[in-house]
Amino acid sequence: MTIKALVTAGLLAVTVLGSLSCASNRTSEGTGEYIDDTVITAKVKAAFLAEAGLNVAEINVETFKGVVQLSGFIQSRTDANRAIVLTRSIAGVMSVQDDMQIK
């Protein structure tokens, strides 16, 4: 190979690899998505607090790209179902992952 061909191949490789490093990563989120998820989490927690008779002290709420994970301990399956229904009613929630445990 000539030096010109090697330089061209090198520049092409740098360009391609540089473009790939800017590609979207599905395991991380941008600032806007992070803020949206934080708002969803806050709305879910507020809905739990407004719901009379639902003990939410031990329910953890985490949101990633609109998927809300509910974990922790709950008094009954009925309370867990109420928490899931409340969560699904919040705007922006794509799905709910139920990892709650009955005490």
Foldseek 3Di string as FASTA:
>chain_A
DDPVVVVVVVVVVVVVVVVVVPDDDPVDDDPVQVVVQVVLQVQLVVLQVPDPPQDCPFWDWGDDQQEIETEGEGADVVSLVVSQVSSVVGPSRPYYHYHYDHD
